[in-house]
């Protein structure tokens, strides 16, 4: 049974220029102890999907349709107090830029302690002890000193570890990590991804890992959802998707990446650019860039996700076939 189930999620931003359909009918099931990667270009709707799950979409955005089920409850229908008890305690989130996500005028230890005392019946002294222990588990050096420091005194990697410690604090069933390796060097990236895997393995959490970096997804995720134009266009086991991509966008995306085992082959370039989500039409968002488009693609509404193999779904009228 899925830990988290998202059904027909639509999130729009209402601007003077028109309606931006940032999330346009997203649906997926997150299975227990699974790391699900969400990948796509900037502007595909990845981060807004994450924010929508916890109803944190900023103004002028609004969730206009959809259901998000967690433990049998639709998060879209809960009142603010019920939702507050779930945020952090059961579903935690690591935001894209850890330094700006943390409060600049409160030391990092107090920020973690406040979350612990909000959800658990423990004293401030016990919360401080728990925080130091969490910092140690998250790989922060000298945690007794770090708890008294402010975000500006820490590096980007250390701030990201503080966010991971905060996520670990209450043993959440679901962790949403939005670009957790943003602006970090390769060595620190690997360490942060290892901590996320450890969270899944040791605490049995399920993870939604959002990234535009296909290498991060390939090395960390179990399943992957490929987003384009506010929609999931392909979903499946990470090895199936990377070895035999079926949606023309996924195939083109992977062919545009340099590979050591194909150094003699020219890289493919994808014509055109990502679609604007402003006043988006109801046709396939990839239509103008697709080399496999046919008359059916132009005359029919946007294709829905359909299974082409067990656990492998694609939203395309003319998918890439593999022998």
C-alpha atoms as a PDB file:
ATOM      1  CA  UNK A   1       0.000   0.000   0.000  1.00  0.00           C
ATOM      2  CA  UNK A   2       1.316   3.436  -0.958  1.00  0.00           C
ATOM      3  CA  UNK A   3       2.585   5.726   1.811  1.00  0.00           C
ATOM      4  CA  UNK A   4       1.585   8.793  -0.191  1.00  0.00           C
ATOM      5  CA  UNK A   5      -0.819   8.911  -3.116  1.00  0.00           C
ATOM      6  CA  UNK A   6      -1.164  11.964  -5.372  1.00  0.00           C
ATOM      7  CA  UNK A   7      -4.156  12.060  -7.697  1.00  0.00           C
ATOM      8  CA  UNK A   8      -4.876  14.533 -10.516  1.00  0.00           C
ATOM      9  CA  UNK A   9      -3.043  17.431  -8.869  1.00  0.00           C
ATOM     10  CA  UNK A  10      -3.427  20.846 -10.510  1.00  0.00           C
ATOM     11  CA  UNK A  11      -1.711  23.978  -9.173  1.00  0.00           C
ATOM     12  CA  UNK A  12      -2.114  27.269 -11.018  1.00  0.00           C
ATOM     13  CA  UNK A  13      -0.627  30.734 -10.560  1.00  0.00           C
ATOM     14  CA  UNK A  14      -3.078  33.510 -11.383  1.00  0.00           C
ATOM     15  CA  UNK A  15      -1.185  36.488 -12.835  1.00  0.00           C
ATOM     16  CA  UNK A  16      -2.127  39.603 -14.751  1.00  0.00           C
ATOM     17  CA  UNK A  17      -0.789  37.984 -17.925  1.00  0.00           C
ATOM     18  CA  UNK A  18      -2.914  34.862 -17.469  1.00  0.00           C
ATOM     19  CA  UNK A  19      -2.937  31.495 -15.718  1.00  0.00           C
ATOM     20  CA  UNK A  20       0.348  29.638 -15.249  1.00  0.00           C
ATOM     21  CA  UNK A  21      -0.420  25.905 -15.069  1.00  0.00           C
ATOM     22  CA  UNK A  22       2.639  24.943 -13.025  1.00  0.00           C
ATOM     23  CA  UNK A  23       1.275  21.508 -12.079  1.00  0.00           C
ATOM     24  CA  UNK A  24      -1.096  20.044 -14.614  1.00  0.00           C
ATOM     25  CA  UNK A  25      -2.628  16.721 -13.584  1.00  0.00           C
ATOM     26  CA  UNK A  26       0.223  15.039 -11.673  1.00  0.00           C
ATOM     27  CA  UNK A  27      -0.445  11.617 -10.206  1.00  0.00           C
ATOM     28  CA  UNK A  28       1.805   9.018  -8.575  1.00  0.00           C
ATOM     29  CA  UNK A  29       2.029   6.573  -5.672  1.00  0.00           C
ATOM     30  CA  UNK A  30       5.008   6.591  -3.297  1.00  0.00           C
ATOM     31  CA  UNK A  31       5.680   3.096  -1.979  1.00  0.00           C
ATOM     32  CA  UNK A  32       7.139   2.305   1.486  1.00  0.00           C
ATOM     33  CA  UNK A  33      10.939   2.651   1.836  1.00  0.00           C
ATOM     34  CA  UNK A  34      11.240   3.830  -1.767  1.00  0.00           C
ATOM     35  CA  UNK A  35      13.278   6.736  -3.113  1.00  0.00           C
ATOM     36  CA  UNK A  36      11.305   8.259  -5.956  1.00  0.00           C
ATOM     37  CA  UNK A  37      13.187  10.703  -8.138  1.00  0.00           C
ATOM     38  CA  UNK A  38      11.417  13.541  -9.915  1.00  0.00           C
ATOM     39  CA  UNK A  39      13.530  14.899 -12.765  1.00  0.00           C
ATOM     40  CA  UNK A  40      13.047  17.493 -15.460  1.00  0.00           C
ATOM     41  CA  UNK A  41      14.232  20.844 -16.776  1.00  0.00           C
ATOM     42  CA  UNK A  42      13.837  24.059 -14.810  1.00  0.00           C
ATOM     43  CA  UNK A  43      10.215  25.178 -14.936  1.00  0.00           C
ATOM     44  CA  UNK A  44       8.835  21.662 -15.389  1.00  0.00           C
ATOM     45  CA  UNK A  45       6.818  21.883 -12.165  1.00  0.00           C
ATOM     46  CA  UNK A  46       8.955  19.741  -9.851  1.00  0.00           C
ATOM     47  CA  UNK A  47       9.248  22.123  -6.902  1.00  0.00           C
ATOM     48  CA  UNK A  48       5.645  23.326  -7.149  1.00  0.00           C
ATOM     49  CA  UNK A  49       4.518  19.692  -7.004  1.00  0.00           C
ATOM     50  CA  UNK A  50       6.463  19.257  -3.743  1.00  0.00           C
ATOM     51  CA  UNK A  51       5.065  22.455  -2.249  1.00  0.00           C
ATOM     52  CA  UNK A  52       1.554  21.471  -3.298  1.00  0.00           C
ATOM     53  CA  UNK A  53       1.737  18.195  -1.388  1.00  0.00           C
ATOM     54  CA  UNK A  54       2.161  20.134   1.872  1.00  0.00           C
ATOM     55  CA  UNK A  55      -0.054  23.033   0.758  1.00  0.00           C
ATOM     56  CA  UNK A  56       2.833  25.490   0.897  1.00  0.00           C
ATOM     57  CA  UNK A  57       2.264  27.061  -2.520  1.00  0.00           C
ATOM     58  CA  UNK A  58       3.048  30.810  -2.336  1.00  0.00           C
ATOM     59  CA  UNK A  59       0.717  33.560  -3.566  1.00  0.00           C
ATOM     60  CA  UNK A  60      -0.589  33.946  -6.286  1.00  0.00           C
ATOM     61  CA  UNK A  61      -0.537  30.165  -6.621  1.00  0.00           C
ATOM     62  CA  UNK A  62      -3.506  28.007  -5.738  1.00  0.00           C
ATOM     63  CA  UNK A  63      -4.214  24.281  -5.758  1.00  0.00           C
ATOM     64  CA  UNK A  64      -7.313  24.156  -7.944  1.00  0.00           C
ATOM     65  CA  UNK A  65      -7.881  20.413  -8.102  1.00  0.00           C
ATOM     66  CA  UNK A  66      -6.522  17.128  -6.837  1.00  0.00           C
ATOM     67  CA  UNK A  67      -6.154  14.819  -3.865  1.00  0.00           C
ATOM     68  CA  UNK A  68      -3.105  13.880  -1.779  1.00  0.00           C
ATOM     69  CA  UNK A  69      -3.717  10.892   0.484  1.00  0.00           C
ATOM     70  CA  UNK A  70      -1.517  10.143   3.490  1.00  0.00           C
ATOM     71  CA  UNK A  71      -2.598   7.416   5.933  1.00  0.00           C
ATOM     72  CA  UNK A  72      -6.091   7.517   4.462  1.00  0.00           C
ATOM     73  CA  UNK A  73      -6.478  11.275   4.892  1.00  0.00           C
ATOM     74  CA  UNK A  74      -6.735  13.733   2.014  1.00  0.00           C
ATOM     75  CA  UNK A  75      -4.282  16.499   2.908  1.00  0.00           C
ATOM     76  CA  UNK A  76      -6.205  18.895   0.670  1.00  0.00           C
ATOM     77  CA  UNK A  77      -9.221  18.671   2.991  1.00  0.00           C
ATOM     78  CA  UNK A  78      -7.511  19.008   6.385  1.00  0.00           C
ATOM     79  CA  UNK A  79      -7.783  22.214   8.384  1.00  0.00           C
ATOM     80  CA  UNK A  80      -4.639  24.215   9.213  1.00  0.00           C
ATOM     81  CA  UNK A  81      -4.138  22.653  12.667  1.00  0.00           C
ATOM     82  CA  UNK A  82      -4.472  19.079  11.369  1.00  0.00           C
ATOM     83  CA  UNK A  83      -2.036  19.843   8.567  1.00  0.00           C
ATOM     84  CA  UNK A  84       0.447  21.480  10.970  1.00  0.00           C
ATOM     85  CA  UNK A  85       0.606  18.262  12.978  1.00  0.00           C
ATOM     86  CA  UNK A  86       1.541  16.324   9.830  1.00  0.00           C
ATOM     87  CA  UNK A  87       4.163  18.754   8.504  1.00  0.00           C
ATOM     88  CA  UNK A  88       7.554  17.909   9.975  1.00  0.00           C
ATOM     89  CA  UNK A  89       6.185  15.122  12.174  1.00  0.00           C
ATOM     90  CA  UNK A  90       5.047  12.763   9.406  1.00  0.00           C
ATOM     91  CA  UNK A  91       6.079  14.489   6.165  1.00  0.00           C
ATOM     92  CA  UNK A  92       9.308  16.494   6.285  1.00  0.00           C
ATOM     93  CA  UNK A  93      10.831  18.662   3.586  1.00  0.00           C
ATOM     94  CA  UNK A  94      14.358  19.771   2.748  1.00  0.00           C
ATOM     95  CA  UNK A  95      14.148  22.954   0.721  1.00  0.00           C
ATOM     96  CA  UNK A  96      16.278  23.815  -2.294  1.00  0.00           C
ATOM     97  CA  UNK A  97      18.574  26.439  -0.767  1.00  0.00           C
ATOM     98  CA  UNK A  98      19.290  25.456   2.819  1.00  0.00           C
ATOM     99  CA  UNK A  99      21.039  28.711   3.786  1.00  0.00           C
ATOM    100  CA  UNK A 100      18.055  30.885   2.875  1.00  0.00           C
ATOM    101  CA  UNK A 101      15.542  28.321   4.165  1.00  0.00           C
ATOM    102  CA  UNK A 102      16.945  28.547   7.690  1.00  0.00           C
ATOM    103  CA  UNK A 103      16.110  31.531   9.901  1.00  0.00           C
ATOM    104  CA  UNK A 104      19.086  33.892   9.750  1.00  0.00           C
ATOM    105  CA  UNK A 105      18.560  35.427  13.224  1.00  0.00           C
ATOM    106  CA  UNK A 106      18.119  32.205  15.241  1.00  0.00           C
ATOM    107  CA  UNK A 107      20.941  29.751  15.789  1.00  0.00           C
ATOM    108  CA  UNK A 108      20.516  26.421  14.053  1.00  0.00           C
ATOM    109  CA  UNK A 109      20.273  24.432  17.278  1.00  0.00           C
ATOM    110  CA  UNK A 110      17.282  26.434  18.488  1.00  0.00           C
ATOM    111  CA  UNK A 111      15.553  25.971  15.132  1.00  0.00           C
ATOM    112  CA  UNK A 112      15.744  22.189  15.407  1.00  0.00           C
ATOM    113  CA  UNK A 113      14.835  22.254  19.108  1.00  0.00           C
ATOM    114  CA  UNK A 114      11.727  24.326  18.411  1.00  0.00           C
ATOM    115  CA  UNK A 115      10.452  21.730  15.960  1.00  0.00           C
ATOM    116  CA  UNK A 116      11.127  18.904  18.428  1.00  0.00           C
ATOM    117  CA  UNK A 117       9.346  20.608  21.351  1.00  0.00           C
ATOM    118  CA  UNK A 118       6.416  21.555  19.081  1.00  0.00           C
ATOM    119  CA  UNK A 119       5.689  17.928  18.246  1.00  0.00           C
ATOM    120  CA  UNK A 120       7.089  15.926  21.176  1.00  0.00           C
ATOM    121  CA  UNK A 121       6.461  16.216  24.954  1.00  0.00           C
ATOM    122  CA  UNK A 122      10.109  16.791  25.881  1.00  0.00           C
ATOM    123  CA  UNK A 123      11.922  19.488  27.860  1.00  0.00           C
ATOM    124  CA  UNK A 124      14.129  22.094  26.221  1.00  0.00           C
ATOM    125  CA  UNK A 125      17.156  20.435  27.781  1.00  0.00           C
ATOM    126  CA  UNK A 126      16.214  17.062  26.307  1.00  0.00           C
ATOM    127  CA  UNK A 127      15.532  18.723  22.929  1.00  0.00           C
ATOM    128  CA  UNK A 128      19.070  20.203  23.010  1.00  0.00           C
ATOM    129  CA  UNK A 129      20.543  16.751  23.705  1.00  0.00           C
ATOM    130  CA  UNK A 130      18.496  15.260  20.851  1.00  0.00           C
ATOM    131  CA  UNK A 131      19.610  18.042  18.506  1.00  0.00           C
ATOM    132  CA  UNK A 132      23.303  17.457  19.233  1.00  0.00           C
ATOM    133  CA  UNK A 133      22.809  13.746  18.612  1.00  0.00           C
ATOM    134  CA  UNK A 134      20.977  14.445  15.328  1.00  0.00           C
ATOM    135  CA  UNK A 135      23.762  16.774  14.182  1.00  0.00           C
ATOM    136  CA  UNK A 136      26.286  14.040  14.928  1.00  0.00           C
ATOM    137  CA  UNK A 137      24.236  11.482  12.953  1.00  0.00           C
ATOM    138  CA  UNK A 138      23.959  13.918  10.034  1.00  0.00           C
ATOM    139  CA  UNK A 139      27.755  14.116   9.866  1.00  0.00           C
ATOM    140  CA  UNK A 140      28.239  17.622  11.251  1.00  0.00           C
ATOM    141  CA  UNK A 141      31.670  18.067  12.860  1.00  0.00           C
ATOM    142  CA  UNK A 142      31.770  19.235  16.479  1.00  0.00           C
ATOM    143  CA  UNK A 143      27.963  19.280  16.926  1.00  0.00           C
ATOM    144  CA  UNK A 144      28.237  20.782  20.448  1.00  0.00           C
ATOM    145  CA  UNK A 145      29.685  23.924  18.854  1.00  0.00           C
ATOM    146  CA  UNK A 146      27.499  23.955  15.722  1.00  0.00           C
ATOM    147  CA  UNK A 147      24.225  24.075  17.698  1.00  0.00           C
ATOM    148  CA  UNK A 148      25.091  27.594  18.833  1.00  0.00           C
ATOM    149  CA  UNK A 149      26.018  28.896  15.399  1.00  0.00           C
ATOM    150  CA  UNK A 150      23.924  30.825  12.899  1.00  0.00           C
ATOM    151  CA  UNK A 151      23.335  29.845   9.257  1.00  0.00           C
ATOM    152  CA  UNK A 152      25.715  32.512   7.917  1.00  0.00           C
ATOM    153  CA  UNK A 153      28.513  30.961   9.975  1.00  0.00           C
ATOM    154  CA  UNK A 154      28.111  27.589   8.244  1.00  0.00           C
ATOM    155  CA  UNK A 155      28.955  26.413   4.739  1.00  0.00           C
ATOM    156  CA  UNK A 156      26.252  25.394   2.265  1.00  0.00           C
ATOM    157  CA  UNK A 157      26.963  21.717   2.886  1.00  0.00           C
ATOM    158  CA  UNK A 158      26.729  22.160   6.668  1.00  0.00           C
ATOM    159  CA  UNK A 159      23.424  24.016   6.334  1.00  0.00           C
ATOM    160  CA  UNK A 160      22.129  21.169   4.187  1.00  0.00           C
ATOM    161  CA  UNK A 161      23.134  18.715   6.922  1.00  0.00           C
ATOM    162  CA  UNK A 162      21.256  20.850   9.463  1.00  0.00           C
ATOM    163  CA  UNK A 163      18.170  20.523   7.246  1.00  0.00           C
ATOM    164  CA  UNK A 164      18.679  16.755   7.088  1.00  0.00           C
ATOM    165  CA  UNK A 165      18.995  16.615  10.891  1.00  0.00           C
ATOM    166  CA  UNK A 166      15.769  18.590  11.150  1.00  0.00           C
ATOM    167  CA  UNK A 167      14.098  16.127   8.787  1.00  0.00           C
ATOM    168  CA  UNK A 168      15.420  13.155  10.785  1.00  0.00           C
ATOM    169  CA  UNK A 169      14.318  14.569  14.141  1.00  0.00           C
ATOM    170  CA  UNK A 170      10.812  13.128  14.210  1.00  0.00           C
ATOM    171  CA  UNK A 171      11.324   9.986  12.081  1.00  0.00           C
ATOM    172  CA  UNK A 172       8.936  11.093   9.317  1.00  0.00           C
ATOM    173  CA  UNK A 173       7.303   8.499   7.117  1.00  0.00           C
ATOM    174  CA  UNK A 174       7.950  10.703   4.059  1.00  0.00           C
ATOM    175  CA  UNK A 175      10.866  13.015   3.250  1.00  0.00           C
ATOM    176  CA  UNK A 176      10.635  15.457   0.344  1.00  0.00           C
ATOM    177  CA  UNK A 177      14.106  16.627  -0.718  1.00  0.00           C
ATOM    178  CA  UNK A 178      13.984  19.492  -3.232  1.00  0.00           C
ATOM    179  CA  UNK A 179      17.359  19.807  -4.974  1.00  0.00           C
ATOM    180  CA  UNK A 180      19.258  18.821  -1.776  1.00  0.00           C
ATOM    181  CA  UNK A 181      22.606  19.039  -3.610  1.00  0.00           C
ATOM    182  CA  UNK A 182      21.948  22.523  -5.007  1.00  0.00           C
ATOM    183  CA  UNK A 183      25.154  24.608  -5.371  1.00  0.00           C
ATOM    184  CA  UNK A 184      27.302  21.991  -3.594  1.00  0.00           C
ATOM    185  CA  UNK A 185      30.558  20.560  -4.920  1.00  0.00           C
ATOM    186  CA  UNK A 186      30.648  16.948  -6.091  1.00  0.00           C
ATOM    187  CA  UNK A 187      32.202  15.531  -2.911  1.00  0.00           C
ATOM    188  CA  UNK A 188      29.623  17.161  -0.640  1.00  0.00           C
ATOM    189  CA  UNK A 189      26.850  16.100  -3.037  1.00  0.00           C
ATOM    190  CA  UNK A 190      27.839  12.461  -2.619  1.00  0.00           C
ATOM    191  CA  UNK A 191      27.860  12.800   1.169  1.00  0.00           C
ATOM    192  CA  UNK A 192      24.403  14.439   1.242  1.00  0.00           C
ATOM    193  CA  UNK A 193      22.934  11.752  -1.025  1.00  0.00           C
ATOM    194  CA  UNK A 194      24.473   9.073   1.212  1.00  0.00           C
ATOM    195  CA  UNK A 195      22.743  10.659   4.216  1.00  0.00           C
ATOM    196  CA  UNK A 196      19.410  10.548   2.385  1.00  0.00           C
ATOM    197  CA  UNK A 197      19.905   6.858   1.576  1.00  0.00           C
ATOM    198  CA  UNK A 198      20.823   6.256   5.210  1.00  0.00           C
ATOM    199  CA  UNK A 199      17.603   7.962   6.305  1.00  0.00           C
ATOM    200  CA  UNK A 200      15.652   5.571   4.094  1.00  0.00           C
ATOM    201  CA  UNK A 201      17.552   2.473   5.226  1.00  0.00           C
ATOM    202  CA  UNK A 202      17.868   3.210   8.958  1.00  0.00           C
ATOM    203  CA  UNK A 203      14.575   4.990   9.631  1.00  0.00           C
ATOM    204  CA  UNK A 204      12.475   3.267   6.960  1.00  0.00           C
ATOM    205  CA  UNK A 205      11.352   6.566   5.446  1.00  0.00           C
ATOM    206  CA  UNK A 206      10.100   6.990   1.882  1.00  0.00           C
ATOM    207  CA  UNK A 207      11.761   9.776  -0.088  1.00  0.00           C
ATOM    208  CA  UNK A 208      10.766  12.077  -2.932  1.00  0.00           C
ATOM    209  CA  UNK A 209      14.052  13.323  -4.403  1.00  0.00           C
ATOM    210  CA  UNK A 210      13.705  16.272  -6.775  1.00  0.00           C
ATOM    211  CA  UNK A 211      16.577  17.139  -9.112  1.00  0.00           C
ATOM    212  CA  UNK A 212      17.396  18.373 -12.597  1.00  0.00           C
ATOM    213  CA  UNK A 213      20.594  16.291 -12.406  1.00  0.00           C
ATOM    214  CA  UNK A 214      20.072  12.907 -14.057  1.00  0.00           C
ATOM    215  CA  UNK A 215      23.267  11.569 -12.474  1.00  0.00           C
ATOM    216  CA  UNK A 216      21.923  12.269  -8.978  1.00  0.00           C
ATOM    217  CA  UNK A 217      18.681  10.463  -9.798  1.00  0.00           C
ATOM    218  CA  UNK A 218      20.418   7.495 -11.442  1.00  0.00           C
ATOM    219  CA  UNK A 219      22.712   6.928  -8.448  1.00  0.00           C
ATOM    220  CA  UNK A 220      20.124   7.410  -5.705  1.00  0.00           C
ATOM    221  CA  UNK A 221      16.523   6.720  -6.784  1.00  0.00           C
ATOM    222  CA  UNK A 222      14.662   3.415  -7.074  1.00  0.00           C
ATOM    223  CA  UNK A 223      11.946   4.757  -9.375  1.00  0.00           C
ATOM    224  CA  UNK A 224      11.809   7.963 -11.391  1.00  0.00           C
ATOM    225  CA  UNK A 225       9.098  10.315 -12.632  1.00  0.00           C
ATOM    226  CA  UNK A 226      10.079  12.493 -15.602  1.00  0.00           C
ATOM    227  CA  UNK A 227       8.261  15.851 -15.648  1.00  0.00           C
ATOM    228  CA  UNK A 228       7.706  18.147 -18.589  1.00  0.00           C
ATOM    229  CA  UNK A 229       5.308  21.065 -18.947  1.00  0.00           C
ATOM    230  CA  UNK A 230       3.765  20.540 -15.524  1.00  0.00           C
ATOM    231  CA  UNK A 231       3.011  16.847 -16.157  1.00  0.00           C
ATOM    232  CA  UNK A 232       4.646  13.494 -15.494  1.00  0.00           C
ATOM    233  CA  UNK A 233       5.366  12.110 -18.962  1.00  0.00           C
ATOM    234  CA  UNK A 234       7.114   8.893 -17.930  1.00  0.00           C
ATOM    235  CA  UNK A 235       7.343   6.871 -14.725  1.00  0.00           C
ATOM    236  CA  UNK A 236       9.080   3.613 -13.910  1.00  0.00           C
ATOM    237  CA  UNK A 237      12.020   1.745 -12.411  1.00  0.00           C
ATOM    238  CA  UNK A 238      15.129   3.896 -12.639  1.00  0.00           C
ATOM    239  CA  UNK A 239      17.079   1.258 -14.606  1.00  0.00           C
ATOM    240  CA  UNK A 240      14.225   0.744 -17.072  1.00  0.00           C
ATOM    241  CA  UNK A 241      13.895   4.484 -17.692  1.00  0.00           C
ATOM    242  CA  UNK A 242      17.621   5.098 -18.126  1.00  0.00           C
ATOM    243  CA  UNK A 243      18.298   1.994 -20.221  1.00  0.00           C
ATOM    244  CA  UNK A 244      15.153   2.069 -22.351  1.00  0.00           C
ATOM    245  CA  UNK A 245      13.421   5.474 -22.223  1.00  0.00           C
ATOM    246  CA  UNK A 246      10.022   5.355 -23.897  1.00  0.00           C
ATOM    247  CA  UNK A 247       8.774   8.937 -24.009  1.00  0.00           C
ATOM    248  CA  UNK A 248      10.455  10.979 -26.798  1.00  0.00           C
ATOM    249  CA  UNK A 249      11.358  13.686 -24.261  1.00  0.00           C
ATOM    250  CA  UNK A 250      13.070  11.234 -21.893  1.00  0.00           C
ATOM    251  CA  UNK A 251      14.927   9.670 -24.816  1.00  0.00           C
ATOM    252  CA  UNK A 252      16.091  13.049 -26.141  1.00  0.00           C
ATOM    253  CA  UNK A 253      17.094  14.195 -22.656  1.00  0.00           C
ATOM    254  CA  UNK A 254      19.306  11.166 -22.091  1.00  0.00           C
ATOM    255  CA  UNK A 255      20.859  11.405 -25.578  1.00  0.00           C
ATOM    256  CA  UNK A 256      21.877  14.991 -24.860  1.00  0.00           C
ATOM    257  CA  UNK A 257      24.107  13.910 -21.955  1.00  0.00           C
ATOM    258  CA  UNK A 258      27.812  13.023 -22.422  1.00  0.00           C
ATOM    259  CA  UNK A 259      28.671   9.388 -21.619  1.00  0.00           C
ATOM    260  CA  UNK A 260      32.084   7.827 -21.139  1.00  0.00           C
ATOM    261  CA  UNK A 261      31.043   4.669 -23.000  1.00  0.00           C
ATOM    262  CA  UNK A 262      29.870   6.696 -26.016  1.00  0.00           C
ATOM    263  CA  UNK A 263      32.663   9.270 -26.278  1.00  0.00           C
ATOM    264  CA  UNK A 264      32.883   8.793 -30.070  1.00  0.00           C
ATOM    265  CA  UNK A 265      29.216   9.710 -30.628  1.00  0.00           C
ATOM    266  CA  UNK A 266      27.981  13.239 -31.202  1.00  0.00           C
ATOM    267  CA  UNK A 267      25.616  14.589 -28.571  1.00  0.00           C
ATOM    268  CA  UNK A 268      22.031  15.107 -29.636  1.00  0.00           C
ATOM    269  CA  UNK A 269      20.539  18.569 -29.256  1.00  0.00           C
ATOM    270  CA  UNK A 270      16.859  19.070 -28.547  1.00  0.00           C
ATOM    271  CA  UNK A 271      15.282  21.619 -30.840  1.00  0.00           C
ATOM    272  CA  UNK A 272      13.270  24.494 -29.423  1.00  0.00           C
ATOM    273  CA  UNK A 273      12.940  25.327 -25.747  1.00  0.00           C
ATOM    274  CA  UNK A 274      10.774  24.392 -22.776  1.00  0.00           C
ATOM    275  CA  UNK A 275       7.169  25.557 -23.129  1.00  0.00           C
ATOM    276  CA  UNK A 276       5.823  28.516 -21.243  1.00  0.00           C
ATOM    277  CA  UNK A 277       3.228  27.312 -18.757  1.00  0.00           C
ATOM    278  CA  UNK A 278       1.287  30.549 -19.192  1.00  0.00           C
ATOM    279  CA  UNK A 279      -2.142  29.797 -20.669  1.00  0.00           C
ATOM    280  CA  UNK A 280      -0.926  26.301 -21.555  1.00  0.00           C
ATOM    281  CA  UNK A 281      -3.111  24.546 -24.127  1.00  0.00           C
ATOM    282  CA  UNK A 282      -4.621  21.091 -23.567  1.00  0.00           C
ATOM    283  CA  UNK A 283      -2.371  19.370 -26.101  1.00  0.00           C
ATOM    284  CA  UNK A 284       0.889  17.532 -25.448  1.00  0.00           C
ATOM    285  CA  UNK A 285       3.378  20.099 -24.110  1.00  0.00           C
ATOM    286  CA  UNK A 286       6.257  18.414 -25.976  1.00  0.00           C
ATOM    287  CA  UNK A 287       4.487  18.505 -29.350  1.00  0.00           C
ATOM    288  CA  UNK A 288       6.479  21.354 -30.946  1.00  0.00           C
ATOM    289  CA  UNK A 289       9.830  19.765 -30.031  1.00  0.00           C
ATOM    290  CA  UNK A 290       8.963  16.138 -30.739  1.00  0.00           C
ATOM    291  CA  UNK A 291      10.524  14.303 -33.686  1.00  0.00           C
ATOM    292  CA  UNK A 292       7.944  11.519 -33.442  1.00  0.00           C
ATOM    293  CA  UNK A 293       4.798  13.690 -33.475  1.00  0.00           C
ATOM    294  CA  UNK A 294       2.048  12.490 -35.806  1.00  0.00           C
ATOM    295  CA  UNK A 295      -1.454  13.626 -36.745  1.00  0.00           C
ATOM    296  CA  UNK A 296      -3.020  11.913 -33.734  1.00  0.00           C
ATOM    297  CA  UNK A 297      -0.807  13.983 -31.423  1.00  0.00           C
ATOM    298  CA  UNK A 298      -2.130  17.209 -32.977  1.00  0.00           C
ATOM    299  CA  UNK A 299      -5.799  16.263 -33.027  1.00  0.00           C
ATOM    300  CA  UNK A 300      -6.112  14.617 -29.602  1.00  0.00           C
ATOM    301  CA  UNK A 301      -5.890  16.173 -26.103  1.00  0.00           C
ATOM    302  CA  UNK A 302      -2.829  15.673 -23.941  1.00  0.00           C
ATOM    303  CA  UNK A 303      -2.190  11.919 -23.513  1.00  0.00           C
ATOM    304  CA  UNK A 304      -2.664  10.371 -20.079  1.00  0.00           C
ATOM    305  CA  UNK A 305      -0.157   8.154 -18.282  1.00  0.00           C
ATOM    306  CA  UNK A 306      -0.754   4.553 -19.311  1.00  0.00           C
ATOM    307  CA  UNK A 307       1.107   1.342 -18.517  1.00  0.00           C
ATOM    308  CA  UNK A 308       3.238  -0.108 -21.314  1.00  0.00           C
ATOM    309  CA  UNK A 309       4.814  -2.702 -19.007  1.00  0.00           C
ATOM    310  CA  UNK A 310       4.405  -3.622 -15.336  1.00  0.00           C
ATOM    311  CA  UNK A 311       5.374  -0.542 -13.314  1.00  0.00           C
ATOM    312  CA  UNK A 312       6.317   1.459 -16.427  1.00  0.00           C
ATOM    313  CA  UNK A 313       3.940   4.254 -17.470  1.00  0.00           C
ATOM    314  CA  UNK A 314       4.187   6.744 -20.342  1.00  0.00           C
ATOM    315  CA  UNK A 315       2.033   9.628 -21.573  1.00  0.00           C
ATOM    316  CA  UNK A 316       2.531   9.461 -25.337  1.00  0.00           C
ATOM    317  CA  UNK A 317       0.567   8.442 -28.451  1.00  0.00           C
ATOM    318  CA  UNK A 318       3.739   7.362 -30.263  1.00  0.00           C
ATOM    319  CA  UNK A 319       6.272   6.109 -27.694  1.00  0.00           C
ATOM    320  CA  UNK A 320       9.814   5.018 -28.498  1.00  0.00           C
ATOM    321  CA  UNK A 321       9.862   1.265 -29.035  1.00  0.00           C
ATOM    322  CA  UNK A 322      12.727  -0.992 -27.958  1.00  0.00           C
ATOM    323  CA  UNK A 323      13.432  -4.474 -29.239  1.00  0.00           C
END
